[in-house]
Amino acid sequence: MENDLKFYMVHTSLDVVDEKISAMGKALVDQRELYLGLLYPTEDYKVYGYMTKSKVKFVMVVDASNIAFFDNEIRSMFQKLPVD
């Protein structure tokens, strides 16, 4: 049952990614990589999003009970991904 909840959170977060990107406008999306920030917070997990210039979407699920990540640390982790 726990795995079903995790898959649901990631799936829902992808919908939030699409909503955030469409709200930003096409010109902004085409210019640079996009850190989308916190997408889906729950008591147990926090879900963050990122999209590359080539429109590859990444979703990071972080256990909220053990570690308190700051927004700039999550952004830095996404920017270190080798996506070229």
PDB file of N, CA and C in Angstrom:
ATOM      1  N   MET A   1       0.821  -1.192   0.000  1.00  0.00           N
ATOM      2  CA  MET A   1       0.000   0.000   0.000  1.00  0.00           C
ATOM      3  C   MET A   1       0.866   1.257   0.000  1.00  0.00           C
ATOM      4  N   GLU A   2       1.985   1.243   0.725  1.00  0.00           N
ATOM      5  CA  GLU A   2       2.876   2.402   0.779  1.00  0.00           C
ATOM      6  C   GLU A   2       3.440   2.736  -0.598  1.00  0.00           C
ATOM      7  N   ASN A   3       3.798   1.698  -1.385  1.00  0.00           N
ATOM      8  CA  ASN A   3       4.307   1.942  -2.730  1.00  0.00           C
ATOM      9  C   ASN A   3       3.260   2.599  -3.611  1.00  0.00           C
ATOM     10  N   ASP A   4       2.009   2.198  -3.456  1.00  0.00           N
ATOM     11  CA  ASP A   4       0.936   2.819  -4.229  1.00  0.00           C
ATOM     12  C   ASP A   4       0.845   4.310  -3.932  1.00  0.00           C
ATOM     13  N   LEU A   5       1.005   4.674  -2.683  1.00  0.00           N
ATOM     14  CA  LEU A   5       0.961   6.082  -2.293  1.00  0.00           C
ATOM     15  C   LEU A   5       2.134   6.847  -2.905  1.00  0.00           C
ATOM     16  N   LYS A   6       3.303   6.247  -2.920  1.00  0.00           N
ATOM     17  CA  LYS A   6       4.475   6.902  -3.509  1.00  0.00           C
ATOM     18  C   LYS A   6       4.281   7.127  -5.005  1.00  0.00           C
ATOM     19  N   PHE A   7       3.780   6.115  -5.700  1.00  0.00           N
ATOM     20  CA  PHE A   7       3.527   6.271  -7.132  1.00  0.00           C
ATOM     21  C   PHE A   7       2.475   7.345  -7.392  1.00  0.00           C
ATOM     22  N   TYR A   8       1.468   7.402  -6.551  1.00  0.00           N
ATOM     23  CA  TYR A   8       0.430   8.422  -6.688  1.00  0.00           C
ATOM     24  C   TYR A   8       1.022   9.820  -6.501  1.00  0.00           C
ATOM     25  N   MET A   9       1.886   9.980  -5.509  1.00  0.00           N
ATOM     26  CA  MET A   9       2.508  11.283  -5.262  1.00  0.00           C
ATOM     27  C   MET A   9       3.341  11.735  -6.457  1.00  0.00           C
ATOM     28  N   VAL A  10       4.126  10.826  -7.014  1.00  0.00           N
ATOM     29  CA  VAL A  10       4.961  11.175  -8.165  1.00  0.00           C
ATOM     30  C   VAL A  10       4.085  11.509  -9.361  1.00  0.00           C
ATOM     31  N   HIS A  11       3.057  10.722  -9.596  1.00  0.00           N
ATOM     32  CA  HIS A  11       2.154  10.980 -10.718  1.00  0.00           C
ATOM     33  C   HIS A  11       1.466  12.327 -10.560  1.00  0.00           C
ATOM     34  N   THR A  12       0.986  12.627  -9.379  1.00  0.00           N
ATOM     35  CA  THR A  12       0.343  13.908  -9.108  1.00  0.00           C
ATOM     36  C   THR A  12       1.340  15.050  -9.277  1.00  0.00           C
ATOM     37  N   SER A  13       2.560  14.832  -8.873  1.00  0.00           N
ATOM     38  CA  SER A  13       3.589  15.862  -9.005  1.00  0.00           C
ATOM     39  C   SER A  13       3.882  16.183 -10.462  1.00  0.00           C
ATOM     40  N   LEU A  14       3.815  15.191 -11.338  1.00  0.00           N
ATOM     41  CA  LEU A  14       4.015  15.456 -12.764  1.00  0.00           C
ATOM     42  C   LEU A  14       2.924  16.368 -13.308  1.00  0.00           C
ATOM     43  N   ASP A  15       1.709  16.224 -12.802  1.00  0.00           N
ATOM     44  CA  ASP A  15       0.633  17.145 -13.183  1.00  0.00           C
ATOM     45  C   ASP A  15       0.951  18.563 -12.720  1.00  0.00           C
ATOM     46  N   VAL A  16       1.503  18.691 -11.525  1.00  0.00           N
ATOM     47  CA  VAL A  16       1.874  20.010 -10.995  1.00  0.00           C
ATOM     48  C   VAL A  16       3.003  20.611 -11.836  1.00  0.00           C
ATOM     49  N   VAL A  17       3.950  19.781 -12.284  1.00  0.00           N
ATOM     50  CA  VAL A  17       5.025  20.252 -13.163  1.00  0.00           C
ATOM     51  C   VAL A  17       4.420  20.870 -14.415  1.00  0.00           C
ATOM     52  N   ASP A  18       3.498  20.155 -15.050  1.00  0.00           N
ATOM     53  CA  ASP A  18       2.861  20.663 -16.265  1.00  0.00           C
ATOM     54  C   ASP A  18       2.123  21.971 -16.013  1.00  0.00           C
ATOM     55  N   GLU A  19       1.442  22.059 -14.883  1.00  0.00           N
ATOM     56  CA  GLU A  19       0.719  23.291 -14.544  1.00  0.00           C
ATOM     57  C   GLU A  19       1.676  24.461 -14.346  1.00  0.00           C
ATOM     58  N   LYS A  20       2.772  24.235 -13.635  1.00  0.00           N
ATOM     59  CA  LYS A  20       3.738  25.313 -13.387  1.00  0.00           C
ATOM     60  C   LYS A  20       4.389  25.777 -14.681  1.00  0.00           C
ATOM     61  N   ILE A  21       4.727  24.837 -15.549  1.00  0.00           N
ATOM     62  CA  ILE A  21       5.380  25.189 -16.808  1.00  0.00           C
ATOM     63  C   ILE A  21       4.436  25.982 -17.700  1.00  0.00           C
ATOM     64  N   SER A  22       3.195  25.554 -17.790  1.00  0.00           N
ATOM     65  CA  SER A  22       2.244  26.288 -18.627  1.00  0.00           C
ATOM     66  C   SER A  22       1.953  27.673 -18.062  1.00  0.00           C
ATOM     67  N   ALA A  23       2.005  27.825 -16.749  1.00  0.00           N
ATOM     68  CA  ALA A  23       1.775  29.135 -16.136  1.00  0.00           C
ATOM     69  C   ALA A  23       2.945  30.090 -16.391  1.00  0.00           C
ATOM     70  N   MET A  24       4.149  29.550 -16.575  1.00  0.00           N
ATOM     71  CA  MET A  24       5.323  30.397 -16.806  1.00  0.00           C
ATOM     72  C   MET A  24       5.361  30.976 -18.213  1.00  0.00           C
ATOM     73  N   GLY A  25       4.756  30.310 -19.143  1.00  0.00           N
ATOM     74  CA  GLY A  25       4.780  30.786 -20.521  1.00  0.00           C
ATOM     75  C   GLY A  25       5.869  30.120 -21.330  1.00  0.00           C
ATOM     76  N   LYS A  26       5.619  30.002 -22.635  1.00  0.00           N
ATOM     77  CA  LYS A  26       6.525  29.298 -23.534  1.00  0.00           C
ATOM     78  C   LYS A  26       7.894  29.962 -23.626  1.00  0.00           C
ATOM     79  N   ALA A  27       7.963  31.266 -23.676  1.00  0.00           N
ATOM     80  CA  ALA A  27       9.248  31.962 -23.833  1.00  0.00           C
ATOM     81  C   ALA A  27      10.195  31.648 -22.678  1.00  0.00           C
ATOM     82  N   LEU A  28       9.685  31.660 -21.469  1.00  0.00           N
ATOM     83  CA  LEU A  28      10.520  31.384 -20.298  1.00  0.00           C
ATOM     84  C   LEU A  28      10.983  29.935 -20.284  1.00  0.00           C
ATOM     85  N   VAL A  29      10.107  29.025 -20.661  1.00  0.00           N
ATOM     86  CA  VAL A  29      10.450  27.597 -20.657  1.00  0.00           C
ATOM     87  C   VAL A  29      11.548  27.303 -21.666  1.00  0.00           C
ATOM     88  N   ASP A  30      11.529  27.969 -22.818  1.00  0.00           N
ATOM     89  CA  ASP A  30      12.520  27.707 -23.859  1.00  0.00           C
ATOM     90  C   ASP A  30      13.894  28.289 -23.540  1.00  0.00           C
ATOM     91  N   GLN A  31      13.994  29.228 -22.630  1.00  0.00           N
ATOM     92  CA  GLN A  31      15.245  29.934 -22.389  1.00  0.00           C
ATOM     93  C   GLN A  31      16.239  29.175 -21.525  1.00  0.00           C
ATOM     94  N   ARG A  32      15.793  28.481 -20.521  1.00  0.00           N
ATOM     95  CA  ARG A  32      16.749  27.936 -19.557  1.00  0.00           C
ATOM     96  C   ARG A  32      16.187  26.702 -18.876  1.00  0.00           C
ATOM     97  N   GLU A  33      17.048  26.089 -18.065  1.00  0.00           N
ATOM     98  CA  GLU A  33      16.588  24.991 -17.237  1.00  0.00           C
ATOM     99  C   GLU A  33      15.709  25.551 -16.140  1.00  0.00           C
ATOM    100  N   LEU A  34      14.747  24.762 -15.691  1.00  0.00           N
ATOM    101  CA  LEU A  34      13.773  25.260 -14.730  1.00  0.00           C
ATOM    102  C   LEU A  34      13.778  24.443 -13.450  1.00  0.00           C
ATOM    103  N   TYR A  35      14.097  25.106 -12.367  1.00  0.00           N
ATOM    104  CA  TYR A  35      13.891  24.512 -11.053  1.00  0.00           C
ATOM    105  C   TYR A  35      12.473  24.886 -10.650  1.00  0.00           C
ATOM    106  N   LEU A  36      11.642  23.901 -10.412  1.00  0.00           N
ATOM    107  CA  LEU A  36      10.225  24.146 -10.155  1.00  0.00           C
ATOM    108  C   LEU A  36       9.888  24.180  -8.676  1.00  0.00           C
ATOM    109  N   GLY A  37      10.843  23.835  -7.832  1.00  0.00           N
ATOM    110  CA  GLY A  37      10.623  23.933  -6.394  1.00  0.00           C
ATOM    111  C   GLY A  37       9.761  22.822  -5.824  1.00  0.00           C
ATOM    112  N   LEU A  38       9.219  23.092  -4.670  1.00  0.00           N
ATOM    113  CA  LEU A  38       8.376  22.126  -3.965  1.00  0.00           C
ATOM    114  C   LEU A  38       7.063  21.955  -4.715  1.00  0.00           C
ATOM    115  N   LEU A  39       6.774  20.715  -5.095  1.00  0.00           N
ATOM    116  CA  LEU A  39       5.577  20.429  -5.876  1.00  0.00           C
ATOM    117  C   LEU A  39       4.442  19.865  -5.038  1.00  0.00           C
ATOM    118  N   TYR A  40       4.795  18.991  -4.104  1.00  0.00           N
ATOM    119  CA  TYR A  40       3.760  18.220  -3.412  1.00  0.00           C
ATOM    120  C   TYR A  40       4.242  17.867  -2.006  1.00  0.00           C
ATOM    121  N   PRO A  41       3.939  18.682  -1.023  1.00  0.00           N
ATOM    122  CA  PRO A  41       4.368  18.359   0.342  1.00  0.00           C
ATOM    123  C   PRO A  41       3.339  17.495   1.071  1.00  0.00           C
ATOM    124  N   THR A  42       3.820  16.522   1.817  1.00  0.00           N
ATOM    125  CA  THR A  42       2.968  15.738   2.711  1.00  0.00           C
ATOM    126  C   THR A  42       3.667  15.690   4.070  1.00  0.00           C
ATOM    127  N   GLU A  43       3.057  15.031   5.027  1.00  0.00           N
ATOM    128  CA  GLU A  43       3.691  14.903   6.343  1.00  0.00           C
ATOM    129  C   GLU A  43       4.968  14.068   6.280  1.00  0.00           C
ATOM    130  N   ASP A  44       4.975  13.052   5.420  1.00  0.00           N
ATOM    131  CA  ASP A  44       6.102  12.123   5.355  1.00  0.00           C
ATOM    132  C   ASP A  44       7.125  12.453   4.277  1.00  0.00           C
ATOM    133  N   TYR A  45       6.690  13.057   3.177  1.00  0.00           N
ATOM    134  CA  TYR A  45       7.559  13.295   2.032  1.00  0.00           C
ATOM    135  C   TYR A  45       7.371  14.704   1.494  1.00  0.00           C
ATOM    136  N   LYS A  46       8.435  15.158   0.815  1.00  0.00           N
ATOM    137  CA  LYS A  46       8.357  16.394   0.046  1.00  0.00           C
ATOM    138  C   LYS A  46       8.813  16.058  -1.364  1.00  0.00           C
ATOM    139  N   VAL A  47       8.079  16.532  -2.344  1.00  0.00           N
ATOM    140  CA  VAL A  47       8.373  16.230  -3.736  1.00  0.00           C
ATOM    141  C   VAL A  47       8.780  17.524  -4.444  1.00  0.00           C
ATOM    142  N   TYR A  48       9.959  17.496  -5.088  1.00  0.00           N
ATOM    143  CA  TYR A  48      10.498  18.654  -5.794  1.00  0.00           C
ATOM    144  C   TYR A  48      10.588  18.342  -7.283  1.00  0.00           C
ATOM    145  N   GLY A  49      10.572  19.382  -8.116  1.00  0.00           N
ATOM    146  CA  GLY A  49      10.621  19.179  -9.555  1.00  0.00           C
ATOM    147  C   GLY A  49      11.655  20.035 -10.257  1.00  0.00           C
ATOM    148  N   TYR A  50      12.095  19.533 -11.418  1.00  0.00           N
ATOM    149  CA  TYR A  50      13.103  20.208 -12.229  1.00  0.00           C
ATOM    150  C   TYR A  50      12.903  19.777 -13.672  1.00  0.00           C
ATOM    151  N   MET A  51      13.103  20.708 -14.620  1.00  0.00           N
ATOM    152  CA  MET A  51      13.014  20.366 -16.035  1.00  0.00           C
ATOM    153  C   MET A  51      14.214  20.953 -16.764  1.00  0.00           C
ATOM    154  N   THR A  52      14.841  20.150 -17.625  1.00  0.00           N
ATOM    155  CA  THR A  52      16.010  20.598 -18.371  1.00  0.00           C
ATOM    156  C   THR A  52      15.582  21.356 -19.622  1.00  0.00           C
ATOM    157  N   LYS A  53      16.583  21.925 -20.322  1.00  0.00           N
ATOM    158  CA  LYS A  53      16.316  22.637 -21.577  1.00  0.00           C
ATOM    159  C   LYS A  53      15.685  21.721 -22.613  1.00  0.00           C
ATOM    160  N   SER A  54      16.042  20.446 -22.569  1.00  0.00           N
ATOM    161  CA  SER A  54      15.498  19.484 -23.532  1.00  0.00           C
ATOM    162  C   SER A  54      14.178  18.877 -23.064  1.00  0.00           C
ATOM    163  N   LYS A  55      13.559  19.478 -22.068  1.00  0.00           N
ATOM    164  CA  LYS A  55      12.228  19.125 -21.562  1.00  0.00           C
ATOM    165  C   LYS A  55      12.180  17.789 -20.812  1.00  0.00           C
ATOM    166  N   VAL A  56      13.341  17.341 -20.307  1.00  0.00           N
ATOM    167  CA  VAL A  56      13.379  16.151 -19.461  1.00  0.00           C
ATOM    168  C   VAL A  56      12.967  16.579 -18.056  1.00  0.00           C
ATOM    169  N   LYS A  57      11.992  15.878 -17.491  1.00  0.00           N
ATOM    170  CA  LYS A  57      11.463  16.227 -16.171  1.00  0.00           C
ATOM    171  C   LYS A  57      12.034  15.284 -15.117  1.00  0.00           C
ATOM    172  N   PHE A  58      12.473  15.879 -14.016  1.00  0.00           N
ATOM    173  CA  PHE A  58      12.960  15.116 -12.880  1.00  0.00           C
ATOM    174  C   PHE A  58      12.086  15.420 -11.675  1.00  0.00           C
ATOM    175  N   VAL A  59      11.795  14.376 -10.917  1.00  0.00           N
ATOM    176  CA  VAL A  59      11.037  14.524  -9.676  1.00  0.00           C
ATOM    177  C   VAL A  59      11.870  13.890  -8.571  1.00  0.00           C
ATOM    178  N   MET A  60      12.057  14.626  -7.477  1.00  0.00           N
ATOM    179  CA  MET A  60      12.824  14.123  -6.338  1.00  0.00           C
ATOM    180  C   MET A  60      11.896  14.022  -5.137  1.00  0.00           C
ATOM    181  N   VAL A  61      11.827  12.824  -4.556  1.00  0.00           N
ATOM    182  CA  VAL A  61      11.015  12.602  -3.360  1.00  0.00           C
ATOM    183  C   VAL A  61      11.965  12.507  -2.171  1.00  0.00           C
ATOM    184  N   VAL A  62      11.752  13.372  -1.183  1.00  0.00           N
ATOM    185  CA  VAL A  62      12.626  13.457  -0.016  1.00  0.00           C
ATOM    186  C   VAL A  62      11.827  13.089   1.224  1.00  0.00           C
ATOM    187  N   ASP A  63      12.420  12.252   2.060  1.00  0.00           N
ATOM    188  CA  ASP A  63      11.790  11.890   3.332  1.00  0.00           C
ATOM    189  C   ASP A  63      11.830  13.106   4.246  1.00  0.00           C
ATOM    190  N   ALA A  64      10.697  13.679   4.521  1.00  0.00           N
ATOM    191  CA  ALA A  64      10.621  14.927   5.286  1.00  0.00           C
ATOM    192  C   ALA A  64      10.875  14.721   6.775  1.00  0.00           C
ATOM    193  N   SER A  65      10.739  13.509   7.267  1.00  0.00           N
ATOM    194  CA  SER A  65      10.873  13.291   8.708  1.00  0.00           C
ATOM    195  C   SER A  65      12.328  13.221   9.176  1.00  0.00           C
ATOM    196  N   ASN A  66      13.262  12.858   8.293  1.00  0.00           N
ATOM    197  CA  ASN A  66      14.652  12.682   8.700  1.00  0.00           C
ATOM    198  C   ASN A  66      15.542  13.891   8.446  1.00  0.00           C
ATOM    199  N   ILE A  67      15.349  14.530   7.315  1.00  0.00           N
ATOM    200  CA  ILE A  67      16.276  15.582   6.904  1.00  0.00           C
ATOM    201  C   ILE A  67      15.492  16.822   6.493  1.00  0.00           C
ATOM    202  N   ALA A  68      15.962  17.951   6.926  1.00  0.00           N
ATOM    203  CA  ALA A  68      15.354  19.218   6.521  1.00  0.00           C
ATOM    204  C   ALA A  68      16.222  19.825   5.422  1.00  0.00           C
ATOM    205  N   PHE A  69      15.804  19.646   4.172  1.00  0.00           N
ATOM    206  CA  PHE A  69      16.529  20.229   3.050  1.00  0.00           C
ATOM    207  C   PHE A  69      16.060  21.657   2.847  1.00  0.00           C
ATOM    208  N   PHE A  70      16.992  22.499   2.473  1.00  0.00           N
ATOM    209  CA  PHE A  70      16.644  23.854   2.112  1.00  0.00           C
ATOM    210  C   PHE A  70      16.465  23.916   0.602  1.00  0.00           C
ATOM    211  N   ASP A  71      15.661  24.850   0.160  1.00  0.00           N
ATOM    212  CA  ASP A  71      15.336  24.980  -1.251  1.00  0.00           C
ATOM    213  C   ASP A  71      16.594  25.100  -2.113  1.00  0.00           C
ATOM    214  N   ASN A  72      17.571  25.881  -1.672  1.00  0.00           N
ATOM    215  CA  ASN A  72      18.785  26.064  -2.474  1.00  0.00           C
ATOM    216  C   ASN A  72      19.620  24.786  -2.561  1.00  0.00           C
ATOM    217  N   GLU A  73      19.554  23.912  -1.558  1.00  0.00           N
ATOM    218  CA  GLU A  73      20.272  22.632  -1.608  1.00  0.00           C
ATOM    219  C   GLU A  73      19.644  21.697  -2.639  1.00  0.00           C
ATOM    220  N   ILE A  74      18.330  21.673  -2.681  1.00  0.00           N
ATOM    221  CA  ILE A  74      17.628  20.844  -3.665  1.00  0.00           C
ATOM    222  C   ILE A  74      17.938  21.347  -5.070  1.00  0.00           C
ATOM    223  N   ARG A  75      17.879  22.662  -5.264  1.00  0.00           N
ATOM    224  CA  ARG A  75      18.194  23.255  -6.572  1.00  0.00           C
ATOM    225  C   ARG A  75      19.610  22.859  -7.000  1.00  0.00           C
ATOM    226  N   SER A  76      20.551  22.933  -6.081  1.00  0.00           N
ATOM    227  CA  SER A  76      21.937  22.586  -6.379  1.00  0.00           C
ATOM    228  C   SER A  76      22.069  21.122  -6.788  1.00  0.00           C
ATOM    229  N   MET A  77      21.356  20.230  -6.122  1.00  0.00           N
ATOM    230  CA  MET A  77      21.383  18.803  -6.477  1.00  0.00           C
ATOM    231  C   MET A  77      20.882  18.589  -7.898  1.00  0.00           C
ATOM    232  N   PHE A  78      19.782  19.246  -8.250  1.00  0.00           N
ATOM    233  CA  PHE A  78      19.240  19.107  -9.599  1.00  0.00           C
ATOM    234  C   PHE A  78      20.218  19.645 -10.642  1.00  0.00           C
ATOM    235  N   GLN A  79      20.855  20.762 -10.374  1.00  0.00           N
ATOM    236  CA  GLN A  79      21.757  21.378 -11.345  1.00  0.00           C
ATOM    237  C   GLN A  79      23.024  20.558 -11.556  1.00  0.00           C
ATOM    238  N   LYS A  80      23.353  19.675 -10.634  1.00  0.00           N
ATOM    239  CA  LYS A  80      24.536  18.824 -10.775  1.00  0.00           C
ATOM    240  C   LYS A  80      24.266  17.567 -11.606  1.00  0.00           C
ATOM    241  N   LEU A  81      23.019  17.336 -11.985  1.00  0.00           N
ATOM    242  CA  LEU A  81      22.695  16.163 -12.795  1.00  0.00           C
ATOM    243  C   LEU A  81      23.346  16.280 -14.168  1.00  0.00           C
ATOM    244  N   PRO A  82      23.991  15.220 -14.645  1.00  0.00           N
ATOM    245  CA  PRO A  82      24.611  15.268 -15.977  1.00  0.00           C
ATOM    246  C   PRO A  82      23.567  15.008 -17.067  1.00  0.00           C
ATOM    247  N   VAL A  83      22.967  16.061 -17.582  1.00  0.00           N
ATOM    248  CA  VAL A  83      21.870  15.891 -18.541  1.00  0.00           C
ATOM    249  C   VAL A  83      22.236  16.306 -19.956  1.00  0.00           C
ATOM    250  N   ASP A  84      23.475  16.687 -20.217  1.00  0.00           N
ATOM    251  CA  ASP A  84      23.865  17.142 -21.559  1.00  0.00           C
ATOM    252  C   ASP A  84      24.034  16.009 -22.513  1.00  0.00           C
TER     253      ASP A  84
END
